[in-house]
Amino acid sequence: MDKITTTTQELLRLDNGIIHCKVLPDKFLELSDGQENLRAVAALSLGKRAAVLVDISRASGVSQECRELFASPQCADLQYAVGIVAKSRVGHLIGNFFLGFNQPLFPLKIFTENSTAMEWLTSIKNNEKKQPTYR
């Protein structure tokens, strides 16, 4: 397992290849934070698209520009599925706001528990391996 800590997140590549990101307490993510976090995902995924679990339970918010980045083709080039874990009211508001106003180019689902998010991401990861590559 490899680990990177950015200004706003701790990111860890798990043994199964899924990238687990945890927003640090009371952090508000701006565009520059999103860019830094995507660079960390790229470094941890070793040049491959990854499934990503993001725990936003302790985040204080995400700027519109950062949300747009997370729904962009640049982000889709790095990740093929995202499970958002939101155990707090603020986390749920952030996640639902993201889904309501942004249209990510990959499957994205909100969960209240890491375990159910991980199960979902693992099933998508297994299906991703079965898909033919056309590039």
Protein backbone atom coordinates (compact mmCIF):
# COMPACT_ATOMS: atom_id res chain seq x y z
CA MET A 1 0.00 0.00 0.00
CA ASP A 2 1.23 3.46 -0.89
CA LYS A 3 0.07 6.65 0.80
CA ILE A 4 0.08 10.35 -0.11
CA THR A 5 -1.11 13.22 2.07
CA THR A 6 -2.14 16.45 0.34
CA THR A 7 -3.29 19.74 1.79
CA THR A 8 -6.85 18.42 2.09
CA GLN A 9 -6.78 14.61 1.85
CA GLU A 10 -5.06 11.41 2.86
CA LEU A 11 -4.93 9.03 -0.10
CA LEU A 12 -4.04 5.36 0.09
CA ARG A 13 -3.75 2.72 -2.64
CA LEU A 14 -5.22 -0.44 -1.18
CA ASP A 15 -3.95 -3.92 -1.99
CA ASN A 16 -6.92 -4.41 -4.35
CA GLY A 17 -5.91 -1.31 -6.36
CA ILE A 18 -8.77 0.87 -5.16
CA ILE A 19 -7.69 4.37 -4.12
CA HIS A 20 -9.13 5.33 -0.71
CA CYS A 21 -9.27 9.10 -0.13
CA LYS A 22 -10.25 10.71 3.14
CA VAL A 23 -10.89 14.44 3.31
CA LEU A 24 -9.14 15.89 6.35
CA PRO A 25 -11.34 17.43 9.06
CA ASP A 26 -12.95 20.79 8.33
CA LYS A 27 -11.31 21.19 4.91
CA PHE A 28 -13.01 23.17 2.14
CA LEU A 29 -11.77 22.01 -1.25
CA GLU A 30 -10.91 24.70 -3.78
CA LEU A 31 -9.92 24.10 -7.42
CA SER A 32 -6.20 23.97 -6.55
CA ASP A 33 -6.94 21.32 -3.89
CA GLY A 34 -8.86 19.24 -6.42
CA GLN A 35 -5.97 19.47 -8.87
CA GLU A 36 -3.50 18.41 -6.16
CA ASN A 37 -5.71 15.48 -5.17
CA LEU A 38 -6.07 14.33 -8.79
CA ARG A 39 -2.28 14.39 -9.18
CA ALA A 40 -2.07 12.17 -6.08
CA VAL A 41 -4.66 9.75 -7.53
CA ALA A 42 -2.66 9.63 -10.77
CA ALA A 43 0.53 8.87 -8.85
CA LEU A 44 -1.09 6.14 -6.75
CA SER A 45 -2.88 4.48 -9.67
CA LEU A 46 0.40 3.92 -11.50
CA GLY A 47 -0.87 5.17 -14.86
CA LYS A 48 -4.10 3.15 -14.84
CA ARG A 49 -7.66 4.33 -14.36
CA ALA A 50 -8.77 3.49 -10.83
CA ALA A 51 -11.84 2.98 -8.72
CA VAL A 52 -11.84 5.62 -5.98
CA LEU A 53 -13.53 5.69 -2.57
CA VAL A 54 -13.77 9.24 -1.18
CA ASP A 55 -14.83 9.80 2.43
CA ILE A 56 -16.19 13.36 2.63
CA SER A 57 -17.74 12.93 6.07
CA ARG A 58 -15.53 15.54 7.72
CA ALA A 59 -15.26 18.00 4.80
CA SER A 60 -16.71 21.46 5.25
CA GLY A 61 -17.42 22.01 1.54
CA VAL A 62 -16.30 21.92 -2.08
CA SER A 63 -16.17 24.91 -4.42
CA GLN A 64 -18.12 24.95 -7.68
CA GLU A 65 -14.85 24.96 -9.65
CA CYS A 66 -13.58 21.93 -7.76
CA ARG A 67 -16.89 20.07 -8.31
CA GLU A 68 -16.67 20.86 -12.03
CA LEU A 69 -13.11 19.48 -12.11
CA PHE A 70 -14.26 16.28 -10.38
CA ALA A 71 -16.93 15.81 -13.11
CA SER A 72 -14.57 16.62 -16.00
CA PRO A 73 -12.99 14.45 -18.71
CA GLN A 74 -9.63 15.05 -16.98
CA CYS A 75 -10.98 13.30 -13.89
CA ALA A 76 -12.62 10.53 -15.96
CA ASP A 77 -9.22 9.81 -17.51
CA LEU A 78 -7.97 8.90 -14.01
CA GLN A 79 -10.92 7.07 -12.48
CA TYR A 80 -13.67 4.81 -13.79
CA ALA A 81 -15.92 4.81 -10.71
CA VAL A 82 -16.25 6.77 -7.47
CA GLY A 83 -17.96 5.79 -4.25
CA ILE A 84 -18.55 8.76 -1.97
CA VAL A 85 -18.91 8.01 1.73
CA ALA A 86 -20.90 10.64 3.60
CA LYS A 87 -21.54 9.82 7.25
CA SER A 88 -22.44 13.39 8.24
CA ARG A 89 -25.23 15.78 7.21
CA VAL A 90 -22.71 18.11 5.63
CA GLY A 91 -21.19 15.19 3.73
CA HIS A 92 -24.61 14.18 2.43
CA LEU A 93 -25.34 17.74 1.35
CA ILE A 94 -22.02 17.94 -0.49
CA GLY A 95 -22.55 14.58 -2.20
CA ASN A 96 -26.16 15.26 -3.18
CA PHE A 97 -25.26 18.75 -4.39
CA PHE A 98 -22.51 17.25 -6.55
CA LEU A 99 -24.86 14.67 -8.07
CA GLY A 100 -27.60 17.26 -8.59
CA PHE A 101 -25.51 19.87 -10.38
CA ASN A 102 -22.63 17.98 -11.95
CA GLN A 103 -22.76 15.10 -14.40
CA PRO A 104 -19.65 12.95 -13.88
CA LEU A 105 -18.52 10.84 -16.83
CA PHE A 106 -18.24 7.71 -14.70
CA PRO A 107 -20.46 5.81 -12.24
CA LEU A 108 -20.73 7.63 -8.92
CA LYS A 109 -22.77 6.64 -5.90
CA ILE A 110 -23.16 7.97 -2.34
CA PHE A 111 -22.93 5.64 0.66
CA THR A 112 -23.10 5.95 4.44
CA GLU A 113 -20.58 3.17 5.12
CA ASN A 114 -17.13 2.40 3.75
CA SER A 115 -17.92 -1.32 3.53
CA THR A 116 -20.88 -0.92 1.16
CA ALA A 117 -18.96 1.59 -0.96
CA MET A 118 -16.05 -0.85 -1.17
CA GLU A 119 -18.36 -3.73 -2.19
CA TRP A 120 -19.86 -1.59 -4.97
CA LEU A 121 -16.46 -0.40 -6.21
CA THR A 122 -15.12 -3.96 -6.16
CA SER A 123 -18.04 -5.15 -8.31
CA ILE A 124 -17.44 -2.32 -10.78
CA LYS A 125 -13.70 -3.06 -10.74
CA ASN A 126 -14.39 -6.70 -11.60
CA ASN A 127 -16.68 -5.65 -14.47
CA GLU A 128 -14.10 -3.12 -15.71
CA LYS A 129 -11.55 -5.93 -16.08
CA LYS A 130 -13.98 -7.82 -18.33
CA GLN A 131 -14.49 -4.86 -20.71
CA PRO A 132 -12.50 -4.88 -23.95
CA THR A 133 -10.04 -2.06 -24.51
CA TYR A 134 -10.62 -0.03 -27.66
CA ARG A 135 -7.78 2.49 -27.38
